[in-house]
Amino acid sequence: MSGFRIGSNLAHIAESGPPPLGLHILMGQDAPVKVANMLAGLEHNAIAPIEMICRRN
């Protein structure tokens, strides 16, 4: 997973909590489970990020 700084970001969130606004708001209360599943998929090369486009209407 070159190019990803997931570990340092997770350590910062663990220390100070999530930011007031962020993806966790959109993902709901089970955001940690969803993120953990995503990270497991990335670590096992089961998924690969291609492109993400977010738009607020």
Protein backbone atom coordinates (compact mmCIF):
# COMPACT_ATOMS: atom_id res chain seq x y z
CA MET A 1 0.00 0.00 0.00
CA SER A 2 2.62 2.51 -0.98
CA GLY A 3 1.42 6.08 -0.91
CA PHE A 4 -0.96 5.50 1.99
CA ARG A 5 -0.33 6.93 5.44
CA ILE A 6 -3.15 5.09 7.13
CA GLY A 7 -1.23 4.12 10.25
CA SER A 8 -0.20 7.65 11.20
CA ASN A 9 -3.70 8.97 10.53
CA LEU A 10 -5.31 6.28 12.68
CA ALA A 11 -2.85 6.98 15.50
CA HIS A 12 -3.75 10.68 15.40
CA ILE A 13 -7.48 9.91 15.45
CA ALA A 14 -7.00 7.48 18.34
CA GLU A 15 -5.29 10.24 20.35
CA SER A 16 -7.52 13.20 19.57
CA GLY A 17 -10.75 11.67 18.26
CA PRO A 18 -12.27 12.17 14.82
CA PRO A 19 -12.54 15.63 13.31
CA PRO A 20 -15.87 17.47 13.72
CA LEU A 21 -16.66 17.01 10.02
CA GLY A 22 -15.51 14.07 8.00
CA LEU A 23 -16.36 10.88 6.19
CA HIS A 24 -17.41 9.26 9.48
CA ILE A 25 -20.48 11.54 9.49
CA LEU A 26 -21.62 10.20 6.12
CA MET A 27 -20.79 6.59 6.96
CA GLY A 28 -22.78 6.52 10.20
CA GLN A 29 -22.13 4.89 13.56
CA ASP A 30 -20.69 1.73 12.03
CA ALA A 31 -17.96 3.70 10.22
CA PRO A 32 -15.16 2.01 12.24
CA VAL A 33 -16.36 -1.43 11.11
CA LYS A 34 -16.57 -0.30 7.48
CA VAL A 35 -13.10 1.25 7.61
CA ALA A 36 -11.63 -1.85 9.27
CA ASN A 37 -13.10 -4.02 6.50
CA MET A 38 -11.68 -1.67 3.86
CA LEU A 39 -8.21 -1.73 5.45
CA ALA A 40 -8.27 -5.53 5.66
CA GLY A 41 -9.17 -5.71 1.98
CA LEU A 42 -6.32 -3.34 1.10
CA GLU A 43 -3.80 -5.27 3.20
CA HIS A 44 -4.75 -8.58 1.56
CA ASN A 45 -4.76 -7.06 -1.94
CA ALA A 46 -8.42 -8.03 -2.29
CA ILE A 47 -9.32 -4.46 -3.23
CA ALA A 48 -7.38 -1.56 -4.71
CA PRO A 49 -8.30 2.11 -4.67
CA ILE A 50 -8.81 3.42 -8.17
CA GLU A 51 -10.65 6.71 -7.91
CA MET A 52 -13.15 8.27 -5.55
CA ILE A 53 -15.30 11.22 -6.46
CA CYS A 54 -17.46 12.76 -3.76
CA ARG A 55 -20.09 15.35 -4.45
CA ARG A 56 -22.42 17.10 -2.09
CA ASN A 57 -25.78 18.09 -3.52
